[in-house]
Amino acid sequence: MNAAAAPLSRRSNTLSSSLGLGEKLFASSAERHFAAAIEAGLDEVESGLLEQMSFSDELADVTSRYLLEAGGKRVRPTLTLLTAQLGEGNNPSVITAAQAVEITHLASLYHDDVMDEALVRRGVPSAQAVWGNSVAILTGDLLFARASNLIASLGERALTIQSNTFERLVLGQLHETTGPLEGDDPIEHYLQVLADKTGSLIATAALVGAIFGNADEAYRDPVQLFGERIGVAFQLIDDVIDLSAEFEQTGKTAGTDLRAGVPTLPLLYLRTAAATDAEASDLLARIERDVTGTGQPAADTDFAAAVAELRAHQVTRDTLAEAKRWSDHAVEALAPLPDGPVKKALTRFAEAIVERSN
């Protein structure tokens, strides 16, 4: 059975896993055709990823496909395929661009896990936990090279987009590592880190779909802006989810990012509140005692209690409000797009991002 003839439930399930879109979204004949095109494109992308991430070197062949085979929602290639429907839809260049974006994302995960000393990724031990830091870093480098080779086949403009995106990914990681400079606003600094580390690649995913799908040039800036803003919203919701006690939802223990010293917006808001609020100051001290290693480390039960307090605190509600603001602004960026399944799907995706915290 070809993708176009596949049952609607199968197509919408794929879109649901990628972007949080449900079957009811695609009611008309045109919308069902749209869903079929996305599904067909995802099939092509997936088979192409398996081919592009195969290497003659035995170790590289195993390590490079490790996170690919662990799963993932393929959000970025799905966005590329979505925005391509604003033009002529799927074509070989769109599929290649979608593959390059996803390989770039996978490469960044190998490096992120080394930087964060993460032990788990996508429900399996991280690559650096299995093979060590050096192999994980080199695997990420190898995948960045493969993504560059792919994008180079699309011409100079694609190479420029890729190199600019890669620069922002690296700068985002660098600025997260070094922290804000003296005089910088920590919250503004953090939001810029999110825009660079996450938003830039999601923005590129949306942009290359519009470009190589030969969509009207007037749609390119809006979808790129949508991608960057929704990327920030996505990461802010992750900050909230990190405080959740539901292991099934997060795949890790509540407060994992906090314990690893990864800055999150609830913690940054709490630091601001602690300057004038004694209860916030006390909570901050209890959290940072375990994170920084100063003083007597807190017992796991004490830290878990502090994380639960942080989740119930106003600063977490403020983080949700900030995520909703970025999501709303992402939807506002779509105003120049024509009404239809693409605009509807992107709008629903923005809504689903915020709903992940419920």
Foldseek 3Di string as FASTA:
>chain_A
DALLPDDLQVLQVLLCLQQVGHSVLQDDPVSSNLSSLLVNLVVLLLVVLLVLQADPDPVSRCLLCVVVVLDDSLNLLSLLQLLLVLFQGDDPQSSLLSNLLVLLVSLVVLVVCLVLVDQDDSLHGHSCVVPNNVVSNVSSVVSNVSSLVSQVVVDDVSNVLSVVLVVLLVVLVVCQVVADDPPDQRVVSPLSSQLSNFQSSSLSSNQSSNVVSVHDPVQRVLSSLLSSLLSSLLVLLVLLVLLDCPCVLVVDHRCPCLLSVRDHQLLSVLVVVVVPDVVSVVLNCLSVCNNVVPDDHDDPVSNNVSSNVSSVDVSSVVSLVVSLVSLVVSLVSNVVRDDDSSNSSSNVSSVVSSVSND
